[in-house]
Amino acid sequence: MSANSQFRFGDATGVGSMPGGDAREAAKTVTGTFEDFPFLPELPARGPGADMIGRTAGMLVELYARVEPSGWRLGDRPGRDTKRARSWLGEDLDALEEFTQEYQGPLKVQAVGPWTLAAHLELRNGEAALSDAGACRDLAASLAEGLRLHLAEVRRRIPGAQLVLQLDEPSLTAVLRGQVKTASGYRTHRAVDRQIVEQTLRDLVGAHTGGPVVVHSCAPDVPFALLRRAGAAAVSFDFSLLTERDEEAIGEAVEGGTRLFTGVVPGAEGPLSDPAGSVMGVRTLWRRLGLSPGLLAEAVTVTPACGLAGVSPGYARTALAHCVRAARSLADNPE
């Protein structure tokens, strides 16, 4: 489902993580700021199980993980870490449900994608699941089923929502390049074949038939073409990390109907430019690529550059509101 004409995305939204540990406050901020494209906030400051890896590990079906000193490790049965992750996710859903009564429109939920999960979840021997092709397959299948159940639960709670699934894949480029370190730290796991990476993502995207999938990475060298082929309806990225060699792939993505979630508002604390200044680079890129200015509002959703877990609650509120104003500037003055 890549044609945007089939789905109305909002003009601005957040990436996922928010500061602090108050689920109600986060849900109130998000729904109050993004009236036409809210998202389910993540609050990693609460500790293990609220972090992105632990949260998604808690969604897995028939696979369980626990916290070890080195990170999250797969085990035989659900322990307190799995229970904690599921409990916090339930708390977040309760809060979002409270603030989305009668809501109708796009709603984004986030989970870690299969390759970043394989790079960060350890097998019993302490090595990343990435080291074992069979483990990667099992993990992707478990994730697909876990996400199906999770999305069904969100739909039950917020029946008017049109769900957008965001797969967070910050380690995808490292997986493709063989840059993920082994447990010893002295070597790296070999690169995974691009066709296997693409097929795994395609299978997961295909399993989510209820709406579009956006893949997010705030790492450099996002593989735009691979993600498009895998069926992603949108790609979310840190706009400041783009280089000239990304431009052709971006032009092809836009012309092929792929939406861009442009991370233009800094994810680190600091002064913000005026809203028009925040999207000036997007307009400039558009002109360089020879794309129609009229396509801008159709093709772009404005977001922060990355998650906002590390900033103050005040800056997070300001940054999210700034995304909305910057998107309005883009729509009002596409030239």
C-alpha atoms as a PDB file:
ATOM      1  CA  MET A   1       0.000   0.000   0.000  1.00  0.00           C
ATOM      2  CA  SER A   2       2.248   2.777  -1.174  1.00  0.00           C
ATOM      3  CA  ALA A   3      -0.082   5.107  -3.009  1.00  0.00           C
ATOM      4  CA  ASN A   4      -0.861   8.015  -0.771  1.00  0.00           C
ATOM      5  CA  SER A   5      -4.189   8.526  -2.526  1.00  0.00           C
ATOM      6  CA  GLN A   6      -5.421   5.459  -0.651  1.00  0.00           C
ATOM      7  CA  PHE A   7      -4.691   6.989   2.745  1.00  0.00           C
ATOM      8  CA  ARG A   8      -4.767  10.451   4.252  1.00  0.00           C
ATOM      9  CA  PHE A   9      -1.692  10.983   6.427  1.00  0.00           C
ATOM     10  CA  GLY A  10      -1.549  13.971   8.758  1.00  0.00           C
ATOM     11  CA  ASP A  11       0.775  16.884   7.968  1.00  0.00           C
ATOM     12  CA  ALA A  12       2.799  16.552  11.189  1.00  0.00           C
ATOM     13  CA  THR A  13       3.393  13.992  13.933  1.00  0.00           C
ATOM     14  CA  GLY A  14       6.051  12.835  16.393  1.00  0.00           C
ATOM     15  CA  VAL A  15       8.576  10.021  16.158  1.00  0.00           C
ATOM     16  CA  GLY A  16       7.639   8.052  19.276  1.00  0.00           C
ATOM     17  CA  SER A  17       9.587   8.604  22.480  1.00  0.00           C
ATOM     18  CA  MET A  18       8.784  11.368  24.965  1.00  0.00           C
ATOM     19  CA  PRO A  19      10.496  12.510  28.187  1.00  0.00           C
ATOM     20  CA  GLY A  20       9.369  11.600  31.692  1.00  0.00           C
ATOM     21  CA  GLY A  21       7.258   8.750  32.966  1.00  0.00           C
ATOM     22  CA  ASP A  22       3.698  10.079  33.109  1.00  0.00           C
ATOM     23  CA  ALA A  23       1.632   8.254  30.471  1.00  0.00           C
ATOM     24  CA  ARG A  24      -1.430  10.505  30.868  1.00  0.00           C
ATOM     25  CA  GLU A  25       0.615  13.688  30.507  1.00  0.00           C
ATOM     26  CA  ALA A  26       2.358  12.336  27.388  1.00  0.00           C
ATOM     27  CA  ALA A  27      -0.930  11.225  25.791  1.00  0.00           C
ATOM     28  CA  LYS A  28      -2.542  14.578  26.593  1.00  0.00           C
ATOM     29  CA  THR A  29       0.379  16.461  24.990  1.00  0.00           C
ATOM     30  CA  VAL A  30       0.427  14.319  21.857  1.00  0.00           C
ATOM     31  CA  THR A  31      -3.317  14.313  21.222  1.00  0.00           C
ATOM     32  CA  GLY A  32      -3.610  18.013  22.016  1.00  0.00           C
ATOM     33  CA  THR A  33      -0.790  18.935  19.625  1.00  0.00           C
ATOM     34  CA  PHE A  34      -1.465  16.581  16.703  1.00  0.00           C
ATOM     35  CA  GLU A  35      -5.212  16.779  16.315  1.00  0.00           C
ATOM     36  CA  ASP A  36      -5.125  15.021  12.932  1.00  0.00           C
ATOM     37  CA  PHE A  37      -2.210  12.571  13.391  1.00  0.00           C
ATOM     38  CA  PRO A  38      -1.511  11.603  17.032  1.00  0.00           C
ATOM     39  CA  PHE A  39       0.762   8.706  18.007  1.00  0.00           C
ATOM     40  CA  LEU A  40       1.162   6.304  20.916  1.00  0.00           C
ATOM     41  CA  PRO A  41       3.907   7.843  23.105  1.00  0.00           C
ATOM     42  CA  GLU A  42       6.811   5.781  24.444  1.00  0.00           C
ATOM     43  CA  LEU A  43       8.404   6.704  27.785  1.00  0.00           C
ATOM     44  CA  PRO A  44      11.793   4.958  28.077  1.00  0.00           C
ATOM     45  CA  ALA A  45      12.779   6.952  31.193  1.00  0.00           C
ATOM     46  CA  ARG A  46      10.666   4.496  33.206  1.00  0.00           C
ATOM     47  CA  GLY A  47      13.410   1.898  32.757  1.00  0.00           C
ATOM     48  CA  PRO A  48      13.868  -1.571  31.213  1.00  0.00           C
ATOM     49  CA  GLY A  49      10.689  -2.663  29.479  1.00  0.00           C
ATOM     50  CA  ALA A  50       9.788   0.895  28.506  1.00  0.00           C
ATOM     51  CA  ASP A  51      12.887   1.189  26.272  1.00  0.00           C
ATOM     52  CA  MET A  52      12.289   0.518  22.566  1.00  0.00           C
ATOM     53  CA  ILE A  53      13.865  -2.971  22.528  1.00  0.00           C
ATOM     54  CA  GLY A  54      12.173  -4.103  25.746  1.00  0.00           C
ATOM     55  CA  ARG A  55       8.802  -2.684  24.733  1.00  0.00           C
ATOM     56  CA  THR A  56       8.828  -4.574  21.427  1.00  0.00           C
ATOM     57  CA  ALA A  57      10.244  -7.725  23.065  1.00  0.00           C
ATOM     58  CA  GLY A  58       7.162  -7.632  25.298  1.00  0.00           C
ATOM     59  CA  MET A  59       4.950  -7.839  22.173  1.00  0.00           C
ATOM     60  CA  LEU A  60       6.598 -11.020  20.832  1.00  0.00           C
ATOM     61  CA  VAL A  61       4.534 -14.215  20.661  1.00  0.00           C
ATOM     62  CA  GLU A  62       6.055 -17.438  22.082  1.00  0.00           C
ATOM     63  CA  LEU A  63       9.424 -15.712  22.457  1.00  0.00           C
ATOM     64  CA  TYR A  64      10.397 -14.029  25.718  1.00  0.00           C
ATOM     65  CA  ALA A  65      13.245 -11.793  26.784  1.00  0.00           C
ATOM     66  CA  ARG A  66      14.786 -10.734  30.060  1.00  0.00           C
ATOM     67  CA  VAL A  67      17.279  -8.059  31.042  1.00  0.00           C
ATOM     68  CA  GLU A  68      20.905  -9.130  31.488  1.00  0.00           C
ATOM     69  CA  PRO A  69      23.819  -6.780  32.284  1.00  0.00           C
ATOM     70  CA  SER A  70      24.662  -6.777  28.560  1.00  0.00           C
ATOM     71  CA  GLY A  71      21.099  -6.053  27.396  1.00  0.00           C
ATOM     72  CA  TRP A  72      17.943  -7.972  26.476  1.00  0.00           C
ATOM     73  CA  ARG A  73      18.361 -11.751  26.106  1.00  0.00           C
ATOM     74  CA  LEU A  74      15.885 -14.325  24.806  1.00  0.00           C
ATOM     75  CA  GLY A  75      14.773 -16.921  27.352  1.00  0.00           C
ATOM     76  CA  ASP A  76      12.283 -19.786  27.795  1.00  0.00           C
ATOM     77  CA  ARG A  77       9.426 -18.165  29.658  1.00  0.00           C
ATOM     78  CA  PRO A  78       7.952 -14.759  30.435  1.00  0.00           C
ATOM     79  CA  GLY A  79       9.605 -13.281  33.512  1.00  0.00           C
ATOM     80  CA  ARG A  80       9.117 -10.045  35.384  1.00  0.00           C
ATOM     81  CA  ASP A  81      10.799  -7.996  32.630  1.00  0.00           C
ATOM     82  CA  THR A  82       8.278  -9.195  30.024  1.00  0.00           C
ATOM     83  CA  LYS A  83       5.415  -8.586  32.458  1.00  0.00           C
ATOM     84  CA  ARG A  84       6.704  -5.086  33.195  1.00  0.00           C
ATOM     85  CA  ALA A  85       6.967  -4.245  29.481  1.00  0.00           C
ATOM     86  CA  ARG A  86       3.401  -5.429  28.866  1.00  0.00           C
ATOM     87  CA  SER A  87       2.101  -3.581  31.904  1.00  0.00           C
ATOM     88  CA  TRP A  88       3.602  -0.274  30.766  1.00  0.00           C
ATOM     89  CA  LEU A  89       2.285  -0.746  27.242  1.00  0.00           C
ATOM     90  CA  GLY A  90      -1.184  -1.328  28.738  1.00  0.00           C
ATOM     91  CA  GLU A  91      -0.833   1.839  30.809  1.00  0.00           C
ATOM     92  CA  ASP A  92       0.123   3.818  27.692  1.00  0.00           C
ATOM     93  CA  LEU A  93      -2.854   2.424  25.778  1.00  0.00           C
ATOM     94  CA  ASP A  94      -5.189   3.301  28.659  1.00  0.00           C
ATOM     95  CA  ALA A  95      -3.950   6.899  28.567  1.00  0.00           C
ATOM     96  CA  LEU A  96      -4.193   7.196  24.784  1.00  0.00           C
ATOM     97  CA  GLU A  97      -7.692   5.707  24.802  1.00  0.00           C
ATOM     98  CA  GLU A  98      -8.768   8.278  27.398  1.00  0.00           C
ATOM     99  CA  PHE A  99      -7.665  11.200  25.205  1.00  0.00           C
ATOM    100  CA  THR A 100      -8.897   9.821  21.851  1.00  0.00           C
ATOM    101  CA  GLN A 101     -12.588   9.321  22.635  1.00  0.00           C
ATOM    102  CA  GLU A 102     -14.547   9.819  19.391  1.00  0.00           C
ATOM    103  CA  TYR A 103     -11.283  10.315  17.457  1.00  0.00           C
ATOM    104  CA  GLN A 104     -11.423   9.440  13.780  1.00  0.00           C
ATOM    105  CA  GLY A 105      -8.384   9.631  11.551  1.00  0.00           C
ATOM    106  CA  PRO A 106      -4.800   8.397  11.248  1.00  0.00           C
ATOM    107  CA  LEU A 107      -3.082   7.200  14.418  1.00  0.00           C
ATOM    108  CA  LYS A 108       0.534   6.014  14.525  1.00  0.00           C
ATOM    109  CA  VAL A 109       1.924   3.219  16.690  1.00  0.00           C
ATOM    110  CA  GLN A 110       5.616   2.295  16.785  1.00  0.00           C
ATOM    111  CA  ALA A 111       7.567  -0.926  17.255  1.00  0.00           C
ATOM    112  CA  VAL A 112      11.154  -1.950  16.584  1.00  0.00           C
ATOM    113  CA  GLY A 113      11.586  -3.563  13.160  1.00  0.00           C
ATOM    114  CA  PRO A 114      12.920  -7.107  12.715  1.00  0.00           C
ATOM    115  CA  TRP A 115      16.524  -6.198  11.839  1.00  0.00           C
ATOM    116  CA  THR A 116      17.164  -3.705  14.624  1.00  0.00           C
ATOM    117  CA  LEU A 117      15.537  -6.213  16.994  1.00  0.00           C
ATOM    118  CA  ALA A 118      17.845  -8.991  15.700  1.00  0.00           C
ATOM    119  CA  ALA A 119      20.853  -6.706  16.196  1.00  0.00           C
ATOM    120  CA  HIS A 120      19.947  -5.942  19.826  1.00  0.00           C
ATOM    121  CA  LEU A 121      18.288  -9.080  21.222  1.00  0.00           C
ATOM    122  CA  GLU A 122      20.795 -11.670  22.461  1.00  0.00           C
ATOM    123  CA  LEU A 123      20.595 -15.433  22.118  1.00  0.00           C
ATOM    124  CA  ARG A 124      21.378 -17.627  25.125  1.00  0.00           C
ATOM    125  CA  ASN A 125      25.084 -17.623  24.166  1.00  0.00           C
ATOM    126  CA  GLY A 126      25.191 -13.832  24.457  1.00  0.00           C
ATOM    127  CA  GLU A 127      25.563 -13.176  20.726  1.00  0.00           C
ATOM    128  CA  ALA A 128      22.990 -11.099  18.835  1.00  0.00           C
ATOM    129  CA  ALA A 129      20.133 -12.993  17.192  1.00  0.00           C
ATOM    130  CA  LEU A 130      21.568 -11.466  14.013  1.00  0.00           C
ATOM    131  CA  SER A 131      24.311 -14.134  14.142  1.00  0.00           C
ATOM    132  CA  ASP A 132      21.803 -16.927  13.455  1.00  0.00           C
ATOM    133  CA  ALA A 133      19.654 -16.934  10.290  1.00  0.00           C
ATOM    134  CA  GLY A 134      17.099 -19.289  11.858  1.00  0.00           C
ATOM    135  CA  ALA A 135      16.791 -17.066  14.925  1.00  0.00           C
ATOM    136  CA  CYS A 136      16.209 -14.051  12.646  1.00  0.00           C
ATOM    137  CA  ARG A 137      13.388 -15.888  10.874  1.00  0.00           C
ATOM    138  CA  ASP A 138      11.776 -16.953  14.164  1.00  0.00           C
ATOM    139  CA  LEU A 139      12.060 -13.432  15.529  1.00  0.00           C
ATOM    140  CA  ALA A 140      10.447 -11.870  12.436  1.00  0.00           C
ATOM    141  CA  ALA A 141       7.555 -14.382  12.542  1.00  0.00           C
ATOM    142  CA  SER A 142       7.004 -13.823  16.265  1.00  0.00           C
ATOM    143  CA  LEU A 143       7.104 -10.046  15.748  1.00  0.00           C
ATOM    144  CA  ALA A 144       4.566 -10.205  12.891  1.00  0.00           C
ATOM    145  CA  GLU A 145       2.097 -12.117  15.078  1.00  0.00           C
ATOM    146  CA  GLY A 146       2.755  -9.877  18.099  1.00  0.00           C
ATOM    147  CA  LEU A 147       2.139  -6.748  16.040  1.00  0.00           C
ATOM    148  CA  ARG A 148      -1.075  -8.227  14.623  1.00  0.00           C
ATOM    149  CA  LEU A 149      -2.382  -8.709  18.174  1.00  0.00           C
ATOM    150  CA  HIS A 150      -1.152  -5.289  19.317  1.00  0.00           C
ATOM    151  CA  LEU A 151      -2.814  -3.477  16.415  1.00  0.00           C
ATOM    152  CA  ALA A 152      -6.053  -5.397  16.983  1.00  0.00           C
ATOM    153  CA  GLU A 153      -5.988  -4.215  20.607  1.00  0.00           C
ATOM    154  CA  VAL A 154      -5.443  -0.576  19.561  1.00  0.00           C
ATOM    155  CA  ARG A 155      -8.313  -0.881  17.051  1.00  0.00           C
ATOM    156  CA  ARG A 156     -10.595  -2.286  19.744  1.00  0.00           C
ATOM    157  CA  ARG A 157      -9.814   0.637  22.054  1.00  0.00           C
ATOM    158  CA  ILE A 158      -9.905   3.390  19.415  1.00  0.00           C
ATOM    159  CA  PRO A 159     -12.304   2.091  16.744  1.00  0.00           C
ATOM    160  CA  GLY A 160     -12.259   5.324  14.709  1.00  0.00           C
ATOM    161  CA  ALA A 161      -8.482   5.196  14.214  1.00  0.00           C
ATOM    162  CA  GLN A 162      -6.881   4.410  10.875  1.00  0.00           C
ATOM    163  CA  LEU A 163      -3.700   2.755  12.072  1.00  0.00           C
ATOM    164  CA  VAL A 164      -0.262   3.574  10.719  1.00  0.00           C
ATOM    165  CA  LEU A 165       2.444   1.133  11.854  1.00  0.00           C
ATOM    166  CA  GLN A 166       5.931   2.603  12.245  1.00  0.00           C
ATOM    167  CA  LEU A 167       8.821   0.136  12.267  1.00  0.00           C
ATOM    168  CA  ASP A 168      11.873   1.646  13.963  1.00  0.00           C
ATOM    169  CA  GLU A 169      15.003   0.441  12.146  1.00  0.00           C
ATOM    170  CA  PRO A 170      17.933   2.619  13.309  1.00  0.00           C
ATOM    171  CA  SER A 171      20.338  -0.361  12.975  1.00  0.00           C
ATOM    172  CA  LEU A 172      19.249  -1.324   9.447  1.00  0.00           C
ATOM    173  CA  THR A 173      22.197   0.317   7.675  1.00  0.00           C
ATOM    174  CA  ALA A 174      24.664  -1.296  10.115  1.00  0.00           C
ATOM    175  CA  VAL A 175      23.034  -4.714   9.465  1.00  0.00           C
ATOM    176  CA  LEU A 176      23.369  -4.240   5.690  1.00  0.00           C
ATOM    177  CA  ARG A 177      27.002  -3.155   5.998  1.00  0.00           C
ATOM    178  CA  GLY A 178      28.210  -5.723   8.506  1.00  0.00           C
ATOM    179  CA  GLN A 179      28.847  -3.080  11.183  1.00  0.00           C
ATOM    180  CA  VAL A 180      26.996  -4.665  14.132  1.00  0.00           C
ATOM    181  CA  LYS A 181      29.573  -5.620  16.776  1.00  0.00           C
ATOM    182  CA  THR A 182      29.827  -9.137  18.221  1.00  0.00           C
ATOM    183  CA  ALA A 183      29.538  -9.710  21.991  1.00  0.00           C
ATOM    184  CA  SER A 184      33.326  -9.401  22.399  1.00  0.00           C
ATOM    185  CA  GLY A 185      33.292  -6.021  20.673  1.00  0.00           C
ATOM    186  CA  TYR A 186      36.372  -7.000  18.652  1.00  0.00           C
ATOM    187  CA  ARG A 187      34.625  -8.231  15.518  1.00  0.00           C
ATOM    188  CA  THR A 188      31.423  -7.501  13.636  1.00  0.00           C
ATOM    189  CA  HIS A 189      28.660  -9.786  12.410  1.00  0.00           C
ATOM    190  CA  ARG A 190      28.792 -10.358   8.675  1.00  0.00           C
ATOM    191  CA  ALA A 191      26.490  -8.255   6.517  1.00  0.00           C
ATOM    192  CA  VAL A 192      23.060  -9.751   5.863  1.00  0.00           C
ATOM    193  CA  ASP A 193      22.200 -10.219   2.195  1.00  0.00           C
ATOM    194  CA  ARG A 194      20.117  -7.282   0.959  1.00  0.00           C
ATOM    195  CA  GLN A 195      17.526  -9.574  -0.613  1.00  0.00           C
ATOM    196  CA  ILE A 196      16.967 -11.371   2.694  1.00  0.00           C
ATOM    197  CA  VAL A 197      16.644  -8.035   4.520  1.00  0.00           C
ATOM    198  CA  GLU A 198      14.185  -6.786   1.923  1.00  0.00           C
ATOM    199  CA  GLN A 199      12.110  -9.985   1.872  1.00  0.00           C
ATOM    200  CA  THR A 200      11.831 -10.077   5.676  1.00  0.00           C
ATOM    201  CA  LEU A 201      10.591  -6.484   5.708  1.00  0.00           C
ATOM    202  CA  ARG A 202       8.234  -7.174   2.788  1.00  0.00           C
ATOM    203  CA  ASP A 203       6.705 -10.130   4.645  1.00  0.00           C
ATOM    204  CA  LEU A 204       6.183  -8.016   7.765  1.00  0.00           C
ATOM    205  CA  VAL A 205       4.709  -5.089   5.812  1.00  0.00           C
ATOM    206  CA  GLY A 206       2.459  -7.526   3.931  1.00  0.00           C
ATOM    207  CA  ALA A 207       1.212  -9.018   7.194  1.00  0.00           C
ATOM    208  CA  HIS A 208      -0.063  -5.573   8.258  1.00  0.00           C
ATOM    209  CA  THR A 209      -2.987  -5.373   5.852  1.00  0.00           C
ATOM    210  CA  GLY A 210      -5.002  -2.879   7.874  1.00  0.00           C
ATOM    211  CA  GLY A 211      -3.074   0.232   6.897  1.00  0.00           C
ATOM    212  CA  PRO A 212       0.203   1.717   5.728  1.00  0.00           C
ATOM    213  CA  VAL A 213       3.640   1.012   7.194  1.00  0.00           C
ATOM    214  CA  VAL A 214       6.286   3.695   7.703  1.00  0.00           C
ATOM    215  CA  VAL A 215       9.899   2.707   8.368  1.00  0.00           C
ATOM    216  CA  HIS A 216      11.864   5.083  10.584  1.00  0.00           C
ATOM    217  CA  SER A 217      15.627   5.465  10.884  1.00  0.00           C
ATOM    218  CA  CYS A 218      17.487   8.474  12.247  1.00  0.00           C
ATOM    219  CA  ALA A 219      20.844   6.950  11.161  1.00  0.00           C
ATOM    220  CA  PRO A 220      22.774   8.118   8.077  1.00  0.00           C
ATOM    221  CA  ASP A 221      22.363   6.387   4.691  1.00  0.00           C
ATOM    222  CA  VAL A 222      18.761   5.240   4.988  1.00  0.00           C
ATOM    223  CA  PRO A 223      18.194   2.631   2.209  1.00  0.00           C
ATOM    224  CA  PHE A 224      15.227   4.422   0.590  1.00  0.00           C
ATOM    225  CA  ALA A 225      15.037   2.220  -2.517  1.00  0.00           C
ATOM    226  CA  LEU A 226      15.139  -1.033  -0.521  1.00  0.00           C
ATOM    227  CA  LEU A 227      12.379   0.201   1.819  1.00  0.00           C
ATOM    228  CA  ARG A 228      10.198   1.222  -1.119  1.00  0.00           C
ATOM    229  CA  ARG A 229      10.613  -2.199  -2.716  1.00  0.00           C
ATOM    230  CA  ALA A 230       9.716  -3.820   0.610  1.00  0.00           C
ATOM    231  CA  GLY A 231       6.373  -2.018   0.473  1.00  0.00           C
ATOM    232  CA  ALA A 232       6.868   0.850   2.944  1.00  0.00           C
ATOM    233  CA  ALA A 233       4.246   3.535   2.251  1.00  0.00           C
ATOM    234  CA  ALA A 234       6.478   6.124   3.934  1.00  0.00           C
ATOM    235  CA  VAL A 235      10.058   6.573   5.137  1.00  0.00           C
ATOM    236  CA  SER A 236      10.852   8.597   8.259  1.00  0.00           C
ATOM    237  CA  PHE A 237      14.362  10.054   8.599  1.00  0.00           C
ATOM    238  CA  ASP A 238      16.569  12.791  10.039  1.00  0.00           C
ATOM    239  CA  PHE A 239      16.598  15.405   7.269  1.00  0.00           C
ATOM    240  CA  SER A 240      19.921  16.890   8.436  1.00  0.00           C
ATOM    241  CA  LEU A 241      21.737  13.597   7.640  1.00  0.00           C
ATOM    242  CA  LEU A 242      20.801  13.544   3.947  1.00  0.00           C
ATOM    243  CA  THR A 243      23.650  13.728   1.446  1.00  0.00           C
ATOM    244  CA  GLU A 244      23.641  14.388  -2.286  1.00  0.00           C
ATOM    245  CA  ARG A 245      23.722  10.672  -3.024  1.00  0.00           C
ATOM    246  CA  ASP A 246      20.349  10.255  -1.258  1.00  0.00           C
ATOM    247  CA  GLU A 247      18.636  12.787  -3.498  1.00  0.00           C
ATOM    248  CA  GLU A 248      17.981  10.605  -6.533  1.00  0.00           C
ATOM    249  CA  ALA A 249      16.416   7.895  -4.344  1.00  0.00           C
ATOM    250  CA  ILE A 250      14.245  10.505  -2.642  1.00  0.00           C
ATOM    251  CA  GLY A 251      13.059  11.922  -5.981  1.00  0.00           C
ATOM    252  CA  GLU A 252      12.154   8.423  -7.158  1.00  0.00           C
ATOM    253  CA  ALA A 253      10.372   7.726  -3.868  1.00  0.00           C
ATOM    254  CA  VAL A 254       8.211  10.853  -4.129  1.00  0.00           C
ATOM    255  CA  GLU A 255       7.374  10.201  -7.776  1.00  0.00           C
ATOM    256  CA  GLY A 256       6.493   6.601  -6.864  1.00  0.00           C
ATOM    257  CA  GLY A 257       3.989   7.744  -4.240  1.00  0.00           C
ATOM    258  CA  THR A 258       6.113   7.119  -1.131  1.00  0.00           C
ATOM    259  CA  ARG A 259       5.512   9.671   1.614  1.00  0.00           C
ATOM    260  CA  LEU A 260       8.430  11.346   3.383  1.00  0.00           C
ATOM    261  CA  PHE A 261       8.370  11.880   7.144  1.00  0.00           C
ATOM    262  CA  THR A 262      10.999  14.620   7.220  1.00  0.00           C
ATOM    263  CA  GLY A 263      12.693  15.018  10.603  1.00  0.00           C
ATOM    264  CA  VAL A 264      13.453  18.738  10.447  1.00  0.00           C
ATOM    265  CA  VAL A 265      12.880  19.882  14.056  1.00  0.00           C
ATOM    266  CA  PRO A 266      15.959  19.172  16.237  1.00  0.00           C
ATOM    267  CA  GLY A 267      15.600  16.258  18.643  1.00  0.00           C
ATOM    268  CA  ALA A 268      18.149  17.873  20.982  1.00  0.00           C
ATOM    269  CA  GLU A 269      17.418  20.861  23.167  1.00  0.00           C
ATOM    270  CA  GLY A 270      18.224  24.273  21.751  1.00  0.00           C
ATOM    271  CA  PRO A 271      16.728  27.351  20.122  1.00  0.00           C
ATOM    272  CA  LEU A 272      14.381  26.687  17.201  1.00  0.00           C
ATOM    273  CA  SER A 273      14.278  28.709  14.001  1.00  0.00           C
ATOM    274  CA  ASP A 274      10.985  30.149  12.789  1.00  0.00           C
ATOM    275  CA  PRO A 275       8.622  27.477  11.329  1.00  0.00           C
ATOM    276  CA  ALA A 276       9.301  28.539   7.719  1.00  0.00           C
ATOM    277  CA  GLY A 277      13.048  28.252   8.374  1.00  0.00           C
ATOM    278  CA  SER A 278      12.644  24.694   9.658  1.00  0.00           C
ATOM    279  CA  VAL A 279      11.217  23.520   6.314  1.00  0.00           C
ATOM    280  CA  MET A 280      13.368  25.710   4.064  1.00  0.00           C
ATOM    281  CA  GLY A 281      15.689  22.761   3.341  1.00  0.00           C
ATOM    282  CA  VAL A 282      12.719  20.669   2.202  1.00  0.00           C
ATOM    283  CA  ARG A 283      11.627  23.402  -0.230  1.00  0.00           C
ATOM    284  CA  THR A 284      15.208  23.731  -1.514  1.00  0.00           C
ATOM    285  CA  LEU A 285      15.501  19.979  -2.046  1.00  0.00           C
ATOM    286  CA  TRP A 286      12.195  20.010  -3.920  1.00  0.00           C
ATOM    287  CA  ARG A 287      13.461  22.691  -6.292  1.00  0.00           C
ATOM    288  CA  ARG A 288      16.751  20.838  -6.861  1.00  0.00           C
ATOM    289  CA  LEU A 289      14.877  17.657  -7.732  1.00  0.00           C
ATOM    290  CA  GLY A 290      12.533  19.520 -10.067  1.00  0.00           C
ATOM    291  CA  LEU A 291       9.469  18.283  -8.179  1.00  0.00           C
ATOM    292  CA  SER A 292       6.174  20.161  -8.301  1.00  0.00           C
ATOM    293  CA  PRO A 293       5.694  22.467  -5.269  1.00  0.00           C
ATOM    294  CA  GLY A 294       2.061  21.394  -5.256  1.00  0.00           C
ATOM    295  CA  LEU A 295       3.231  17.891  -4.290  1.00  0.00           C
ATOM    296  CA  LEU A 296       4.816  19.088  -1.041  1.00  0.00           C
ATOM    297  CA  ALA A 297       1.797  18.889   1.230  1.00  0.00           C
ATOM    298  CA  GLU A 298       0.767  15.630  -0.457  1.00  0.00           C
ATOM    299  CA  ALA A 299       4.178  14.016   0.047  1.00  0.00           C
ATOM    300  CA  VAL A 300       5.580  15.355   3.332  1.00  0.00           C
ATOM    301  CA  THR A 301       4.772  14.862   7.017  1.00  0.00           C
ATOM    302  CA  VAL A 302       6.881  17.048   9.329  1.00  0.00           C
ATOM    303  CA  THR A 303       8.399  15.411  12.435  1.00  0.00           C
ATOM    304  CA  PRO A 304      11.230  15.925  14.927  1.00  0.00           C
ATOM    305  CA  ALA A 305      14.596  14.564  13.737  1.00  0.00           C
ATOM    306  CA  CYS A 306      14.357  11.660  16.199  1.00  0.00           C
ATOM    307  CA  GLY A 307      12.691  10.673  19.455  1.00  0.00           C
ATOM    308  CA  LEU A 308      12.451  13.209  22.278  1.00  0.00           C
ATOM    309  CA  ALA A 309      13.203  10.985  25.295  1.00  0.00           C
ATOM    310  CA  GLY A 310      16.362  12.926  26.145  1.00  0.00           C
ATOM    311  CA  VAL A 311      14.922  16.441  26.295  1.00  0.00           C
ATOM    312  CA  SER A 312      12.946  18.362  28.923  1.00  0.00           C
ATOM    313  CA  PRO A 313       9.142  18.095  28.883  1.00  0.00           C
ATOM    314  CA  GLY A 314       8.984  21.809  28.023  1.00  0.00           C
ATOM    315  CA  TYR A 315      11.214  21.429  24.969  1.00  0.00           C
ATOM    316  CA  ALA A 316       9.285  18.330  23.851  1.00  0.00           C
ATOM    317  CA  ARG A 317       6.001  20.270  23.911  1.00  0.00           C
ATOM    318  CA  THR A 318       7.607  23.180  22.043  1.00  0.00           C
ATOM    319  CA  ALA A 319       9.212  20.915  19.424  1.00  0.00           C
ATOM    320  CA  LEU A 320       5.969  19.051  18.698  1.00  0.00           C
ATOM    321  CA  ALA A 321       3.981  22.290  18.378  1.00  0.00           C
ATOM    322  CA  HIS A 322       6.745  23.620  16.103  1.00  0.00           C
ATOM    323  CA  CYS A 323       6.257  20.601  13.787  1.00  0.00           C
ATOM    324  CA  VAL A 324       2.599  21.567  13.343  1.00  0.00           C
ATOM    325  CA  ARG A 325       3.474  25.192  12.540  1.00  0.00           C
ATOM    326  CA  ALA A 326       6.258  24.181  10.159  1.00  0.00           C
ATOM    327  CA  ALA A 327       3.886  21.833   8.300  1.00  0.00           C
ATOM    328  CA  ARG A 328       1.368  24.658   7.998  1.00  0.00           C
ATOM    329  CA  SER A 329       4.082  26.917   6.567  1.00  0.00           C
ATOM    330  CA  LEU A 330       4.931  24.247   3.988  1.00  0.00           C
ATOM    331  CA  ALA A 331       1.288  23.863   2.960  1.00  0.00           C
ATOM    332  CA  ASP A 332       0.609  27.623   2.836  1.00  0.00           C
ATOM    333  CA  ASN A 333       3.800  28.532   0.934  1.00  0.00           C
ATOM    334  CA  PRO A 334       4.997  25.524  -1.063  1.00  0.00           C
ATOM    335  CA  GLU A 335       7.148  27.767  -3.288  1.00  0.00           C
END
